[in-house]
mmCIF file of all heavy atoms, coordinates in Angstrom:
data_MODEL
# 
_entry.id   MODEL 
# 
loop_
_atom_site.group_PDB 
_atom_site.id 
_atom_site.type_symbol 
_atom_site.label_atom_id 
_atom_site.label_alt_id 
_atom_site.label_comp_id 
_atom_site.label_asym_id 
_atom_site.label_entity_id 
_atom_site.label_seq_id 
_atom_site.pdbx_PDB_ins_code 
_atom_site.Cartn_x 
_atom_site.Cartn_y 
_atom_site.Cartn_z 
_atom_site.occupancy 
_atom_site.B_iso_or_equiv 
_atom_site.pdbx_formal_charge 
_atom_site.auth_seq_id 
_atom_site.auth_comp_id 
_atom_site.auth_asym_id 
_atom_site.auth_atom_id 
_atom_site.pdbx_PDB_model_num 
ATOM 1   N N   . PHE A 1 1  ? 86.610 185.552 112.205 1.00 0.00 ? 1  PHE A N   1 
ATOM 2   C CA  . PHE A 1 1  ? 87.382 184.434 112.752 1.00 0.00 ? 1  PHE A CA  1 
ATOM 3   C C   . PHE A 1 1  ? 87.566 184.545 114.264 1.00 0.00 ? 1  PHE A C   1 
ATOM 4   O O   . PHE A 1 1  ? 87.515 183.540 114.978 1.00 0.00 ? 1  PHE A O   1 
ATOM 5   C CB  . PHE A 1 1  ? 88.750 184.346 112.076 1.00 0.00 ? 1  PHE A CB  1 
ATOM 6   C CG  . PHE A 1 1  ? 88.721 183.867 110.653 1.00 0.00 ? 1  PHE A CG  1 
ATOM 7   C CD1 . PHE A 1 1  ? 89.753 184.180 109.787 1.00 0.00 ? 1  PHE A CD1 1 
ATOM 8   C CD2 . PHE A 1 1  ? 87.669 183.099 110.169 1.00 0.00 ? 1  PHE A CD2 1 
ATOM 9   C CE1 . PHE A 1 1  ? 89.748 183.731 108.465 1.00 0.00 ? 1  PHE A CE1 1 
ATOM 10  C CE2 . PHE A 1 1  ? 87.652 182.650 108.857 1.00 0.00 ? 1  PHE A CE2 1 
ATOM 11  C CZ  . PHE A 1 1  ? 88.697 182.968 108.004 1.00 0.00 ? 1  PHE A CZ  1 
ATOM 12  N N   . ALA A 1 2  ? 87.802 185.766 114.771 1.00 0.00 ? 2  ALA A N   1 
ATOM 13  C CA  . ALA A 1 2  ? 88.016 185.926 116.217 1.00 0.00 ? 2  ALA A CA  1 
ATOM 14  C C   . ALA A 1 2  ? 86.780 185.492 117.001 1.00 0.00 ? 2  ALA A C   1 
ATOM 15  O O   . ALA A 1 2  ? 86.885 184.743 117.977 1.00 0.00 ? 2  ALA A O   1 
ATOM 16  C CB  . ALA A 1 2  ? 88.379 187.372 116.541 1.00 0.00 ? 2  ALA A CB  1 
ATOM 17  N N   . THR A 1 3  ? 85.609 185.933 116.570 1.00 0.00 ? 3  THR A N   1 
ATOM 18  C CA  . THR A 1 3  ? 84.374 185.567 117.272 1.00 0.00 ? 3  THR A CA  1 
ATOM 19  C C   . THR A 1 3  ? 84.117 184.073 117.187 1.00 0.00 ? 3  THR A C   1 
ATOM 20  O O   . THR A 1 3  ? 83.753 183.427 118.183 1.00 0.00 ? 3  THR A O   1 
ATOM 21  C CB  . THR A 1 3  ? 83.181 186.341 116.686 1.00 0.00 ? 3  THR A CB  1 
ATOM 22  O OG1 . THR A 1 3  ? 83.427 187.752 116.824 1.00 0.00 ? 3  THR A OG1 1 
ATOM 23  C CG2 . THR A 1 3  ? 81.893 185.973 117.386 1.00 0.00 ? 3  THR A CG2 1 
ATOM 24  N N   . GLU A 1 4  ? 84.317 183.497 116.004 1.00 0.00 ? 4  GLU A N   1 
ATOM 25  C CA  . GLU A 1 4  ? 84.051 182.069 115.817 1.00 0.00 ? 4  GLU A CA  1 
ATOM 26  C C   . GLU A 1 4  ? 84.965 181.216 116.684 1.00 0.00 ? 4  GLU A C   1 
ATOM 27  O O   . GLU A 1 4  ? 84.512 180.282 117.363 1.00 0.00 ? 4  GLU A O   1 
ATOM 28  C CB  . GLU A 1 4  ? 84.229 181.708 114.336 1.00 0.00 ? 4  GLU A CB  1 
ATOM 29  C CG  . GLU A 1 4  ? 83.861 180.284 114.009 1.00 0.00 ? 4  GLU A CG  1 
ATOM 30  C CD  . GLU A 1 4  ? 83.858 180.012 112.512 1.00 0.00 ? 4  GLU A CD  1 
ATOM 31  O OE1 . GLU A 1 4  ? 83.533 180.916 111.729 1.00 0.00 ? 4  GLU A OE1 1 
ATOM 32  O OE2 . GLU A 1 4  ? 84.195 178.864 112.133 1.00 0.00 ? 4  GLU A OE2 1 
ATOM 33  N N   . ALA A 1 5  ? 86.245 181.531 116.682 1.00 0.00 ? 5  ALA A N   1 
ATOM 34  C CA  . ALA A 1 5  ? 87.197 180.746 117.476 1.00 0.00 ? 5  ALA A CA  1 
ATOM 35  C C   . ALA A 1 5  ? 87.025 181.001 118.964 1.00 0.00 ? 5  ALA A C   1 
ATOM 36  O O   . ALA A 1 5  ? 87.045 180.072 119.778 1.00 0.00 ? 5  ALA A O   1 
ATOM 37  C CB  . ALA A 1 5  ? 88.625 181.067 117.039 1.00 0.00 ? 5  ALA A CB  1 
ATOM 38  N N   . ALA A 1 6  ? 86.843 182.276 119.348 1.00 0.00 ? 6  ALA A N   1 
ATOM 39  C CA  . ALA A 1 6  ? 86.744 182.604 120.768 1.00 0.00 ? 6  ALA A CA  1 
ATOM 40  C C   . ALA A 1 6  ? 85.481 182.041 121.394 1.00 0.00 ? 6  ALA A C   1 
ATOM 41  O O   . ALA A 1 6  ? 85.486 181.639 122.566 1.00 0.00 ? 6  ALA A O   1 
ATOM 42  C CB  . ALA A 1 6  ? 86.805 184.119 120.964 1.00 0.00 ? 6  ALA A CB  1 
ATOM 43  N N   . SER A 1 7  ? 84.380 181.977 120.646 1.00 0.00 ? 7  SER A N   1 
ATOM 44  C CA  . SER A 1 7  ? 83.161 181.396 121.217 1.00 0.00 ? 7  SER A CA  1 
ATOM 45  C C   . SER A 1 7  ? 83.334 179.893 121.443 1.00 0.00 ? 7  SER A C   1 
ATOM 46  O O   . SER A 1 7  ? 82.837 179.339 122.436 1.00 0.00 ? 7  SER A O   1 
ATOM 47  C CB  . SER A 1 7  ? 81.945 181.686 120.335 1.00 0.00 ? 7  SER A CB  1 
ATOM 48  O OG  . SER A 1 7  ? 82.090 181.133 119.050 1.00 0.00 ? 7  SER A OG  1 
ATOM 49  N N   . ALA A 1 8  ? 84.079 179.220 120.555 1.00 0.00 ? 8  ALA A N   1 
ATOM 50  C CA  . ALA A 1 8  ? 84.370 177.799 120.760 1.00 0.00 ? 8  ALA A CA  1 
ATOM 51  C C   . ALA A 1 8  ? 85.250 177.594 121.986 1.00 0.00 ? 8  ALA A C   1 
ATOM 52  O O   . ALA A 1 8  ? 85.045 176.666 122.775 1.00 0.00 ? 8  ALA A O   1 
ATOM 53  C CB  . ALA A 1 8  ? 85.032 177.213 119.520 1.00 0.00 ? 8  ALA A CB  1 
ATOM 54  N N   . VAL A 1 9  ? 86.226 178.495 122.167 1.00 0.00 ? 9  VAL A N   1 
ATOM 55  C CA  . VAL A 1 9  ? 87.117 178.404 123.329 1.00 0.00 ? 9  VAL A CA  1 
ATOM 56  C C   . VAL A 1 9  ? 86.344 178.679 124.615 1.00 0.00 ? 9  VAL A C   1 
ATOM 57  O O   . VAL A 1 9  ? 86.522 177.989 125.624 1.00 0.00 ? 9  VAL A O   1 
ATOM 58  C CB  . VAL A 1 9  ? 88.302 179.376 123.156 1.00 0.00 ? 9  VAL A CB  1 
ATOM 59  C CG1 . VAL A 1 9  ? 89.075 179.544 124.460 1.00 0.00 ? 9  VAL A CG1 1 
ATOM 60  C CG2 . VAL A 1 9  ? 89.225 178.879 122.053 1.00 0.00 ? 9  VAL A CG2 1 
ATOM 61  N N   . ARG A 1 10 ? 85.473 179.686 124.590 1.00 0.00 ? 10 ARG A N   1 
ATOM 62  C CA  . ARG A 1 10 ? 84.627 179.978 125.752 1.00 0.00 ? 10 ARG A CA  1 
ATOM 63  C C   . ARG A 1 10 ? 83.810 178.743 126.148 1.00 0.00 ? 10 ARG A C   1 
ATOM 64  O O   . ARG A 1 10 ? 83.763 178.358 127.320 1.00 0.00 ? 10 ARG A O   1 
ATOM 65  C CB  . ARG A 1 10 ? 83.698 181.140 125.400 1.00 0.00 ? 10 ARG A CB  1 
ATOM 66  C CG  . ARG A 1 10 ? 82.652 181.478 126.457 1.00 0.00 ? 10 ARG A CG  1 
ATOM 67  C CD  . ARG A 1 10 ? 81.432 182.141 125.815 1.00 0.00 ? 10 ARG A CD  1 
ATOM 68  N NE  . ARG A 1 10 ? 80.769 181.250 124.862 1.00 0.00 ? 10 ARG A NE  1 
ATOM 69  C CZ  . ARG A 1 10 ? 79.807 181.651 124.027 1.00 0.00 ? 10 ARG A CZ  1 
ATOM 70  N NH1 . ARG A 1 10 ? 79.420 182.910 124.006 1.00 0.00 ? 10 ARG A NH1 1 
ATOM 71  N NH2 . ARG A 1 10 ? 79.244 180.775 123.201 1.00 0.00 ? 10 ARG A NH2 1 
ATOM 72  N N   . ASP A 1 11 ? 83.184 178.097 125.158 1.00 0.00 ? 11 ASP A N   1 
ATOM 73  C CA  . ASP A 1 11 ? 82.379 176.924 125.454 1.00 0.00 ? 11 ASP A CA  1 
ATOM 74  C C   . ASP A 1 11 ? 83.232 175.757 125.940 1.00 0.00 ? 11 ASP A C   1 
ATOM 75  O O   . ASP A 1 11 ? 82.794 174.962 126.780 1.00 0.00 ? 11 ASP A O   1 
ATOM 76  C CB  . ASP A 1 11 ? 81.573 176.516 124.217 1.00 0.00 ? 11 ASP A CB  1 
ATOM 77  C CG  . ASP A 1 11 ? 80.419 177.477 123.940 1.00 0.00 ? 11 ASP A CG  1 
ATOM 78  O OD1 . ASP A 1 11 ? 80.177 178.384 124.764 1.00 0.00 ? 11 ASP A OD1 1 
ATOM 79  O OD2 . ASP A 1 11 ? 79.759 177.323 122.895 1.00 0.00 ? 11 ASP A OD2 1 
ATOM 80  N N   . HIS A 1 12 ? 84.446 175.634 125.429 1.00 0.00 ? 12 HIS A N   1 
ATOM 81  C CA  . HIS A 1 12 ? 85.369 174.600 125.906 1.00 0.00 ? 12 HIS A CA  1 
ATOM 82  C C   . HIS A 1 12 ? 85.673 174.820 127.392 1.00 0.00 ? 12 HIS A C   1 
ATOM 83  O O   . HIS A 1 12 ? 85.690 173.864 128.183 1.00 0.00 ? 12 HIS A O   1 
ATOM 84  C CB  . HIS A 1 12 ? 86.648 174.662 125.072 1.00 0.00 ? 12 HIS A CB  1 
ATOM 85  C CG  . HIS A 1 12 ? 87.656 173.622 125.420 1.00 0.00 ? 12 HIS A CG  1 
ATOM 86  N ND1 . HIS A 1 12 ? 87.579 172.316 124.998 1.00 0.00 ? 12 HIS A ND1 1 
ATOM 87  C CD2 . HIS A 1 12 ? 88.801 173.698 126.160 1.00 0.00 ? 12 HIS A CD2 1 
ATOM 88  C CE1 . HIS A 1 12 ? 88.618 171.629 125.439 1.00 0.00 ? 12 HIS A CE1 1 
ATOM 89  N NE2 . HIS A 1 12 ? 89.368 172.444 126.162 1.00 0.00 ? 12 HIS A NE2 1 
ATOM 90  N N   . ALA A 1 13 ? 85.908 176.073 127.766 1.00 0.00 ? 13 ALA A N   1 
ATOM 91  C CA  . ALA A 1 13 ? 86.189 176.380 129.178 1.00 0.00 ? 13 ALA A CA  1 
ATOM 92  C C   . ALA A 1 13 ? 85.001 176.002 130.062 1.00 0.00 ? 13 ALA A C   1 
ATOM 93  O O   . ALA A 1 13 ? 85.181 175.436 131.146 1.00 0.00 ? 13 ALA A O   1 
ATOM 94  C CB  . ALA A 1 13 ? 86.517 177.860 129.337 1.00 0.00 ? 13 ALA A CB  1 
ATOM 95  N N   . PHE A 1 14 ? 83.789 176.265 129.592 1.00 0.00 ? 14 PHE A N   1 
ATOM 96  C CA  . PHE A 1 14 ? 82.600 175.970 130.388 1.00 0.00 ? 14 PHE A CA  1 
ATOM 97  C C   . PHE A 1 14 ? 82.234 174.485 130.365 1.00 0.00 ? 14 PHE A C   1 
ATOM 98  O O   . PHE A 1 14 ? 82.017 173.869 131.406 1.00 0.00 ? 14 PHE A O   1 
ATOM 99  C CB  . PHE A 1 14 ? 81.407 176.777 129.863 1.00 0.00 ? 14 PHE A CB  1 
ATOM 100 C CG  . PHE A 1 14 ? 81.507 178.267 130.110 1.00 0.00 ? 14 PHE A CG  1 
ATOM 101 C CD1 . PHE A 1 14 ? 80.893 179.159 129.242 1.00 0.00 ? 14 PHE A CD1 1 
ATOM 102 C CD2 . PHE A 1 14 ? 82.194 178.774 131.202 1.00 0.00 ? 14 PHE A CD2 1 
ATOM 103 C CE1 . PHE A 1 14 ? 80.963 180.528 129.463 1.00 0.00 ? 14 PHE A CE1 1 
ATOM 104 C CE2 . PHE A 1 14 ? 82.278 180.140 131.426 1.00 0.00 ? 14 PHE A CE2 1 
ATOM 105 C CZ  . PHE A 1 14 ? 81.654 181.016 130.552 1.00 0.00 ? 14 PHE A CZ  1 
ATOM 106 N N   . ASP A 1 15 ? 82.167 173.917 129.168 1.00 0.00 ? 15 ASP A N   1 
ATOM 107 C CA  . ASP A 1 15 ? 81.567 172.591 128.996 1.00 0.00 ? 15 ASP A CA  1 
ATOM 108 C C   . ASP A 1 15 ? 82.557 171.438 129.199 1.00 0.00 ? 15 ASP A C   1 
ATOM 109 O O   . ASP A 1 15 ? 82.151 170.340 129.548 1.00 0.00 ? 15 ASP A O   1 
ATOM 110 C CB  . ASP A 1 15 ? 80.937 172.467 127.608 1.00 0.00 ? 15 ASP A CB  1 
ATOM 111 C CG  . ASP A 1 15 ? 79.833 173.499 127.387 1.00 0.00 ? 15 ASP A CG  1 
ATOM 112 O OD1 . ASP A 1 15 ? 79.238 173.943 128.382 1.00 0.00 ? 15 ASP A OD1 1 
ATOM 113 O OD2 . ASP A 1 15 ? 79.573 173.856 126.225 1.00 0.00 ? 15 ASP A OD2 1 
ATOM 114 N N   . VAL A 1 16 ? 83.841 171.693 128.945 1.00 0.00 ? 16 VAL A N   1 
ATOM 115 C CA  . VAL A 1 16 ? 84.848 170.638 129.081 1.00 0.00 ? 16 VAL A CA  1 
ATOM 116 C C   . VAL A 1 16 ? 85.680 170.816 130.350 1.00 0.00 ? 16 VAL A C   1 
ATOM 117 O O   . VAL A 1 16 ? 85.898 169.865 131.100 1.00 0.00 ? 16 VAL A O   1 
ATOM 118 C CB  . VAL A 1 16 ? 85.756 170.582 127.829 1.00 0.00 ? 16 VAL A CB  1 
ATOM 119 C CG1 . VAL A 1 16 ? 86.840 169.524 128.000 1.00 0.00 ? 16 VAL A CG1 1 
ATOM 120 C CG2 . VAL A 1 16 ? 84.926 170.310 126.579 1.00 0.00 ? 16 VAL A CG2 1 
ATOM 121 N N   . LEU A 1 17 ? 86.122 172.051 130.611 1.00 0.00 ? 17 LEU A N   1 
ATOM 122 C CA  . LEU A 1 17 ? 86.964 172.298 131.781 1.00 0.00 ? 17 LEU A CA  1 
ATOM 123 C C   . LEU A 1 17 ? 86.155 172.606 133.037 1.00 0.00 ? 17 LEU A C   1 
ATOM 124 O O   . LEU A 1 17 ? 86.714 172.657 134.127 1.00 0.00 ? 17 LEU A O   1 
ATOM 125 C CB  . LEU A 1 17 ? 87.939 173.446 131.497 1.00 0.00 ? 17 LEU A CB  1 
ATOM 126 C CG  . LEU A 1 17 ? 88.897 173.231 130.321 1.00 0.00 ? 17 LEU A CG  1 
ATOM 127 C CD1 . LEU A 1 17 ? 89.808 174.441 130.161 1.00 0.00 ? 17 LEU A CD1 1 
ATOM 128 C CD2 . LEU A 1 17 ? 89.723 171.966 130.511 1.00 0.00 ? 17 LEU A CD2 1 
ATOM 129 N N   . GLY A 1 18 ? 84.845 172.841 132.877 1.00 0.00 ? 18 GLY A N   1 
ATOM 130 C CA  . GLY A 1 18 ? 83.998 173.057 134.037 1.00 0.00 ? 18 GLY A CA  1 
ATOM 131 C C   . GLY A 1 18 ? 84.122 174.419 134.691 1.00 0.00 ? 18 GLY A C   1 
ATOM 132 O O   . GLY A 1 18 ? 83.731 174.596 135.849 1.00 0.00 ? 18 GLY A O   1 
ATOM 133 N N   . LYS A 1 19 ? 84.646 175.405 133.975 1.00 0.00 ? 19 LYS A N   1 
ATOM 134 C CA  . LYS A 1 19 ? 84.774 176.753 134.536 1.00 0.00 ? 19 LYS A CA  1 
ATOM 135 C C   . LYS A 1 19 ? 83.411 177.428 134.588 1.00 0.00 ? 19 LYS A C   1 
ATOM 136 O O   . LYS A 1 19 ? 82.551 177.205 133.746 1.00 0.00 ? 19 LYS A O   1 
ATOM 137 C CB  . LYS A 1 19 ? 85.735 177.594 133.690 1.00 0.00 ? 19 LYS A CB  1 
ATOM 138 C CG  . LYS A 1 19 ? 87.131 177.002 133.567 1.00 0.00 ? 19 LYS A CG  1 
ATOM 139 C CD  . LYS A 1 19 ? 87.802 176.913 134.919 1.00 0.00 ? 19 LYS A CD  1 
ATOM 140 C CE  . LYS A 1 19 ? 89.205 176.345 134.808 1.00 0.00 ? 19 LYS A CE  1 
ATOM 141 N NZ  . LYS A 1 19 ? 89.868 176.246 136.127 1.00 0.00 ? 19 LYS A NZ  1 
ATOM 142 N N   . ARG A 1 20 ? 83.247 178.306 135.586 1.00 0.00 ? 20 ARG A N   1 
ATOM 143 C CA  . ARG A 1 20 ? 81.963 179.008 135.740 1.00 0.00 ? 20 ARG A CA  1 
ATOM 144 C C   . ARG A 1 20 ? 81.989 180.397 135.097 1.00 0.00 ? 20 ARG A C   1 
ATOM 145 O O   . ARG A 1 20 ? 80.939 180.918 134.708 1.00 0.00 ? 20 ARG A O   1 
ATOM 146 C CB  . ARG A 1 20 ? 81.599 179.131 137.219 1.00 0.00 ? 20 ARG A CB  1 
ATOM 147 C CG  . ARG A 1 20 ? 81.408 177.778 137.905 1.00 0.00 ? 20 ARG A CG  1 
ATOM 148 C CD  . ARG A 1 20 ? 80.611 177.906 139.174 1.00 0.00 ? 20 ARG A CD  1 
ATOM 149 N NE  . ARG A 1 20 ? 79.270 178.429 138.937 1.00 0.00 ? 20 ARG A NE  1 
ATOM 150 C CZ  . ARG A 1 20 ? 78.248 177.685 138.524 1.00 0.00 ? 20 ARG A CZ  1 
ATOM 151 N NH1 . ARG A 1 20 ? 78.422 176.400 138.280 1.00 0.00 ? 20 ARG A NH1 1 
ATOM 152 N NH2 . ARG A 1 20 ? 77.073 178.235 138.335 1.00 0.00 ? 20 ARG A NH2 1 
ATOM 153 N N   . THR A 1 21 ? 83.174 181.006 135.008 1.00 0.00 ? 21 THR A N   1 
ATOM 154 C CA  . THR A 1 21 ? 83.303 182.355 134.456 1.00 0.00 ? 21 THR A CA  1 
ATOM 155 C C   . THR A 1 21 ? 84.612 182.450 133.691 1.00 0.00 ? 21 THR A C   1 
ATOM 156 O O   . THR A 1 21 ? 85.615 181.843 134.083 1.00 0.00 ? 21 THR A O   1 
ATOM 157 C CB  . THR A 1 21 ? 83.310 183.416 135.582 1.00 0.00 ? 21 THR A CB  1 
ATOM 158 O OG1 . THR A 1 21 ? 82.143 183.257 136.386 1.00 0.00 ? 21 THR A OG1 1 
ATOM 159 C CG2 . THR A 1 21 ? 83.346 184.825 135.015 1.00 0.00 ? 21 THR A CG2 1 
ATOM 160 N N   . VAL A 1 22 ? 84.615 183.188 132.592 1.00 0.00 ? 22 VAL A N   1 
ATOM 161 C CA  . VAL A 1 22 ? 85.847 183.525 131.882 1.00 0.00 ? 22 VAL A CA  1 
ATOM 162 C C   . VAL A 1 22 ? 85.850 185.027 131.625 1.00 0.00 ? 22 VAL A C   1 
ATOM 163 O O   . VAL A 1 22 ? 84.800 185.680 131.638 1.00 0.00 ? 22 VAL A O   1 
ATOM 164 C CB  . VAL A 1 22 ? 85.989 182.761 130.548 1.00 0.00 ? 22 VAL A CB  1 
ATOM 165 C CG1 . VAL A 1 22 ? 86.209 181.284 130.795 1.00 0.00 ? 22 VAL A CG1 1 
ATOM 166 C CG2 . VAL A 1 22 ? 84.802 183.000 129.623 1.00 0.00 ? 22 VAL A CG2 1 
ATOM 167 N N   . ILE A 1 23 ? 87.043 185.552 131.396 1.00 0.00 ? 23 ILE A N   1 
ATOM 168 C CA  . ILE A 1 23 ? 87.205 186.987 131.173 1.00 0.00 ? 23 ILE A CA  1 
ATOM 169 C C   . ILE A 1 23 ? 87.972 187.239 129.880 1.00 0.00 ? 23 ILE A C   1 
ATOM 170 O O   . ILE A 1 23 ? 88.534 186.311 129.284 1.00 0.00 ? 23 ILE A O   1 
ATOM 171 C CB  . ILE A 1 23 ? 87.963 187.660 132.337 1.00 0.00 ? 23 ILE A CB  1 
ATOM 172 C CG1 . ILE A 1 23 ? 89.428 187.141 132.392 1.00 0.00 ? 23 ILE A CG1 1 
ATOM 173 C CG2 . ILE A 1 23 ? 87.252 187.436 133.663 1.00 0.00 ? 23 ILE A CG2 1 
ATOM 174 C CD1 . ILE A 1 23 ? 90.369 188.054 133.124 1.00 0.00 ? 23 ILE A CD1 1 
ATOM 175 N N   . SER A 1 24 ? 88.008 188.494 129.468 1.00 0.00 ? 24 SER A N   1 
ATOM 176 C CA  . SER A 1 24 ? 88.953 188.980 128.467 1.00 0.00 ? 24 SER A CA  1 
ATOM 177 C C   . SER A 1 24 ? 89.439 190.341 128.932 1.00 0.00 ? 24 SER A C   1 
ATOM 178 O O   . SER A 1 24 ? 88.647 191.161 129.417 1.00 0.00 ? 24 SER A O   1 
ATOM 179 C CB  . SER A 1 24 ? 88.313 189.091 127.080 1.00 0.00 ? 24 SER A CB  1 
ATOM 180 O OG  . SER A 1 24 ? 88.148 187.826 126.494 1.00 0.00 ? 24 SER A OG  1 
ATOM 181 N N   . LEU A 1 25 ? 90.740 190.567 128.820 1.00 0.00 ? 25 LEU A N   1 
ATOM 182 C CA  . LEU A 1 25 ? 91.356 191.848 129.173 1.00 0.00 ? 25 LEU A CA  1 
ATOM 183 C C   . LEU A 1 25 ? 91.574 192.645 127.895 1.00 0.00 ? 25 LEU A C   1 
ATOM 184 O O   . LEU A 1 25 ? 92.297 192.204 127.001 1.00 0.00 ? 25 LEU A O   1 
ATOM 185 C CB  . LEU A 1 25 ? 92.691 191.621 129.881 1.00 0.00 ? 25 LEU A CB  1 
ATOM 186 C CG  . LEU A 1 25 ? 92.636 190.809 131.182 1.00 0.00 ? 25 LEU A CG  1 
ATOM 187 C CD1 . LEU A 1 25 ? 94.038 190.536 131.701 1.00 0.00 ? 25 LEU A CD1 1 
ATOM 188 C CD2 . LEU A 1 25 ? 91.813 191.547 132.231 1.00 0.00 ? 25 LEU A CD2 1 
ATOM 189 N N   . ILE A 1 26 ? 90.956 193.822 127.806 1.00 0.00 ? 26 ILE A N   1 
ATOM 190 C CA  . ILE A 1 26 ? 90.948 194.568 126.547 1.00 0.00 ? 26 ILE A CA  1 
ATOM 191 C C   . ILE A 1 26 ? 91.251 196.037 126.824 1.00 0.00 ? 26 ILE A C   1 
ATOM 192 O O   . ILE A 1 26 ? 90.676 196.649 127.733 1.00 0.00 ? 26 ILE A O   1 
ATOM 193 C CB  . ILE A 1 26 ? 89.575 194.433 125.839 1.00 0.00 ? 26 ILE A CB  1 
ATOM 194 C CG1 . ILE A 1 26 ? 89.236 192.950 125.637 1.00 0.00 ? 26 ILE A CG1 1 
ATOM 195 C CG2 . ILE A 1 26 ? 89.584 195.177 124.509 1.00 0.00 ? 26 ILE A CG2 1 
ATOM 196 C CD1 . ILE A 1 26 ? 87.853 192.700 125.072 1.00 0.00 ? 26 ILE A CD1 1 
# 
């Protein structure tokens, strides 16, 4: 579930919000 949801969120940041880079703090 984490990978499935997070990959959708990553693509939302790129394709809808127009971001060029995203991060995760781990």
